[in-house]
Amino acid sequence: MDPNCRLCALCEHRTQIVMGQGPANAAVLLLGEGPGAEEDRRGRPFVGRAGRLLDEMLAAAGGSRDGVFITNVVRCRPLRNRRPKRPEIVACRGNLSEELSSLPLRVVCTLGQVAAHELKGGPVKLASIQGRARRLRWMGRELWWVPCYHPAAGLRNPRLRPKIQRALRRALALASASE
């Protein structure tokens, strides 16, 4: 990945590109929307308030950040934390593919509407599919997909936290079962 990437307009306001992180043998991918202000500042995915909540829920689900690969649909922070636009997502798709190409992924847990839309290849009603595992083909692989609310939604609405935690638990269990 080019640290001077200029494939879309997001590069104009970023501090740095935020690459995914996780072990090279990760079976589970947590795919978010895009970096927030704290992620842009620190250069790591999910390290702000939503990331801390994600870490807590992962632990409660029997996992940890050290056992999964965490990244976003886009690598640069959208200004004022707006949703990434379609052309920005498409421009960053090659970076995402390159980043994930060597991982032995078996499960993708999408965090939020934008990531779910990207994985499915079209609009989704997240509330109706949240936590329901299904098989699909993505980036040339057969994978389990577990759609999940974004941890930021759990910050705004604490009643969503048990649903997020169950989805994370399901993603971890599917990865273990397919070993």
Protein backbone atom coordinates (compact mmCIF):
# COMPACT_ATOMS: atom_id res chain seq x y z
CA MET A 1 0.00 0.00 0.00
CA ASP A 2 1.39 3.33 -1.04
CA PRO A 3 1.75 5.62 2.05
CA ASN A 4 1.20 8.56 -0.31
CA CYS A 5 -2.00 7.13 -1.81
CA ARG A 6 -4.04 9.73 -3.69
CA LEU A 7 -6.66 7.50 -5.29
CA CYS A 8 -9.55 9.53 -3.86
CA ALA A 9 -10.32 12.85 -2.19
CA LEU A 10 -10.05 11.39 1.33
CA CYS A 11 -6.28 11.86 1.10
CA GLU A 12 -6.71 15.64 1.24
CA HIS A 13 -7.70 15.73 4.92
CA ARG A 14 -6.05 12.68 6.47
CA THR A 15 -3.14 12.72 8.88
CA GLN A 16 -2.08 9.26 7.76
CA ILE A 17 -3.33 6.08 6.13
CA VAL A 18 -4.77 3.64 8.68
CA MET A 19 -3.91 0.07 7.73
CA GLY A 20 -5.50 -2.99 9.26
CA GLN A 21 -3.91 -4.87 12.11
CA GLY A 22 -3.92 -8.42 13.31
CA PRO A 23 -2.08 -11.71 13.13
CA ALA A 24 -0.96 -13.15 9.80
CA ASN A 25 -2.94 -16.32 10.59
CA ALA A 26 -6.22 -14.56 11.39
CA ALA A 27 -9.34 -16.57 10.56
CA VAL A 28 -11.71 -13.75 11.55
CA LEU A 29 -11.88 -10.32 9.92
CA LEU A 30 -13.66 -7.42 11.62
CA LEU A 31 -14.45 -4.99 8.82
CA GLY A 32 -15.49 -1.45 9.73
CA GLU A 33 -16.37 1.66 7.78
CA GLY A 34 -13.40 4.02 8.02
CA PRO A 35 -11.01 5.57 10.52
CA GLY A 36 -12.24 8.16 12.99
CA ALA A 37 -10.30 11.09 14.40
CA GLU A 38 -8.39 9.04 16.99
CA GLU A 39 -7.54 6.35 14.44
CA ASP A 40 -6.30 8.99 12.00
CA ARG A 41 -4.16 10.53 14.73
CA ARG A 42 -2.68 7.22 15.98
CA GLY A 43 -2.56 5.29 12.69
CA ARG A 44 -4.36 2.21 14.06
CA PRO A 45 -7.92 0.93 13.45
CA PHE A 46 -10.57 0.98 16.19
CA VAL A 47 -8.59 2.70 18.96
CA GLY A 48 -11.12 5.42 19.87
CA ARG A 49 -14.19 5.03 22.09
CA ALA A 50 -15.89 2.59 19.71
CA GLY A 51 -12.67 0.56 19.54
CA ARG A 52 -12.42 0.33 23.31
CA LEU A 53 -16.02 -0.91 23.43
CA LEU A 54 -15.21 -3.40 20.66
CA ASP A 55 -12.28 -4.72 22.71
CA GLU A 56 -14.56 -5.16 25.77
CA MET A 57 -17.21 -6.98 23.75
CA LEU A 58 -14.63 -9.17 22.03
CA ALA A 59 -13.29 -10.19 25.45
CA ALA A 60 -16.81 -10.91 26.72
CA ALA A 61 -17.39 -13.01 23.57
CA GLY A 62 -14.28 -15.08 24.32
CA GLY A 63 -11.85 -13.41 21.94
CA SER A 64 -9.37 -10.57 21.78
CA ARG A 65 -7.98 -8.05 19.34
CA ASP A 66 -4.82 -10.18 19.16
CA GLY A 67 -6.75 -13.05 17.57
CA VAL A 68 -8.58 -11.20 14.78
CA PHE A 69 -7.67 -8.93 11.89
CA ILE A 70 -9.29 -5.49 12.09
CA THR A 71 -9.53 -3.09 9.18
CA ASN A 72 -11.89 -0.72 7.40
CA VAL A 73 -13.50 -0.38 3.99
CA VAL A 74 -11.51 2.84 3.46
CA ARG A 75 -8.04 3.62 4.86
CA CYS A 76 -8.40 7.40 5.27
CA ARG A 77 -10.68 9.33 7.60
CA PRO A 78 -13.69 10.92 5.94
CA LEU A 79 -13.94 14.58 6.95
CA ARG A 80 -16.14 15.10 10.03
CA ASN A 81 -16.56 11.32 10.26
CA ARG A 82 -19.13 11.23 7.47
CA ARG A 83 -19.84 7.95 5.72
CA PRO A 84 -17.42 7.17 2.89
CA LYS A 85 -18.86 7.82 -0.55
CA ARG A 86 -19.16 5.08 -3.16
CA PRO A 87 -16.26 6.38 -5.33
CA GLU A 88 -13.99 6.48 -2.23
CA ILE A 89 -14.93 2.91 -1.32
CA VAL A 90 -14.34 1.71 -4.87
CA ALA A 91 -10.99 3.54 -5.03
CA CYS A 92 -9.83 1.80 -1.82
CA ARG A 93 -11.10 -1.67 -2.75
CA GLY A 94 -7.71 -2.67 -4.23
CA ASN A 95 -5.97 -1.67 -1.01
CA LEU A 96 -8.41 -3.81 0.98
CA SER A 97 -7.92 -6.76 -1.35
CA GLU A 98 -4.12 -6.45 -1.13
CA GLU A 99 -4.24 -6.19 2.65
CA LEU A 100 -6.37 -9.34 3.02
CA SER A 101 -4.87 -11.45 0.23
CA SER A 102 -2.51 -13.53 2.39
CA LEU A 103 -4.82 -14.00 5.38
CA PRO A 104 -6.44 -17.43 5.85
CA LEU A 105 -9.83 -15.85 6.58
CA ARG A 106 -12.87 -18.03 7.21
CA VAL A 107 -15.25 -15.47 8.72
CA VAL A 108 -15.95 -11.79 8.03
CA CYS A 109 -17.87 -9.86 10.66
CA THR A 110 -18.97 -6.56 9.16
CA LEU A 111 -19.29 -3.71 11.64
CA GLY A 112 -22.04 -1.38 10.46
CA GLN A 113 -24.08 -0.58 7.38
CA VAL A 114 -21.25 0.56 5.09
CA ALA A 115 -19.18 -2.60 5.58
CA ALA A 116 -22.25 -4.83 5.20
CA HIS A 117 -23.16 -3.06 1.95
CA GLU A 118 -19.62 -3.56 0.66
CA LEU A 119 -19.59 -7.27 1.47
CA LYS A 120 -23.04 -7.99 0.07
CA GLY A 121 -22.48 -5.81 -2.96
CA GLY A 122 -25.65 -3.81 -2.46
CA PRO A 123 -28.00 -2.24 0.08
CA VAL A 124 -28.86 -4.17 3.23
CA LYS A 125 -31.29 -3.69 6.10
CA LEU A 126 -28.85 -4.30 8.92
CA ALA A 127 -31.54 -4.59 11.61
CA SER A 128 -33.07 -7.59 9.81
CA ILE A 129 -29.78 -9.48 9.26
CA GLN A 130 -27.75 -8.47 12.34
CA GLY A 131 -25.97 -11.51 13.80
CA ARG A 132 -27.30 -14.01 11.25
CA ALA A 133 -24.45 -16.00 9.74
CA ARG A 134 -24.55 -16.89 6.07
CA ARG A 135 -22.11 -18.21 3.49
CA LEU A 136 -21.05 -15.99 0.63
CA ARG A 137 -18.34 -15.49 -1.93
CA TRP A 138 -16.23 -12.37 -1.45
CA MET A 139 -12.88 -11.43 -2.97
CA GLY A 140 -12.65 -14.85 -4.57
CA ARG A 141 -13.25 -16.82 -1.35
CA GLU A 142 -16.09 -18.75 0.25
CA LEU A 143 -16.55 -17.26 3.70
CA TRP A 144 -18.97 -17.04 6.56
CA TRP A 145 -20.44 -13.56 6.89
CA VAL A 146 -21.78 -12.27 10.20
CA PRO A 147 -23.30 -8.79 9.85
CA CYS A 148 -23.13 -6.75 13.03
CA TYR A 149 -23.99 -3.29 14.28
CA HIS A 150 -21.02 -0.95 14.52
CA PRO A 151 -19.64 -0.56 18.07
CA ALA A 152 -20.36 3.19 17.80
CA ALA A 153 -24.05 2.25 17.63
CA GLY A 154 -23.52 0.46 20.95
CA LEU A 155 -22.11 3.67 22.40
CA ARG A 156 -25.20 5.60 21.32
CA ASN A 157 -27.65 2.84 22.26
CA PRO A 158 -26.44 0.50 25.04
CA ARG A 159 -29.36 -1.88 24.35
CA LEU A 160 -27.53 -2.92 21.14
CA ARG A 161 -24.45 -4.12 23.01
CA PRO A 162 -25.75 -7.65 23.74
CA LYS A 163 -26.61 -8.05 20.04
CA ILE A 164 -23.14 -6.93 19.01
CA GLN A 165 -21.55 -9.26 21.54
CA ARG A 166 -23.63 -12.22 20.30
CA ALA A 167 -22.61 -11.48 16.70
CA LEU A 168 -18.95 -11.38 17.72
CA ARG A 169 -19.35 -14.65 19.65
CA ARG A 170 -20.96 -16.24 16.57
CA ALA A 171 -18.10 -15.07 14.30
CA LEU A 172 -15.48 -16.48 16.69
CA ALA A 173 -17.38 -19.78 17.02
CA LEU A 174 -17.71 -20.17 13.25
CA ALA A 175 -13.96 -19.67 12.84
CA SER A 176 -13.25 -22.29 15.52
CA ALA A 177 -15.72 -24.76 14.02
CA SER A 178 -14.19 -24.53 10.56
CA GLU A 179 -10.62 -25.20 11.69
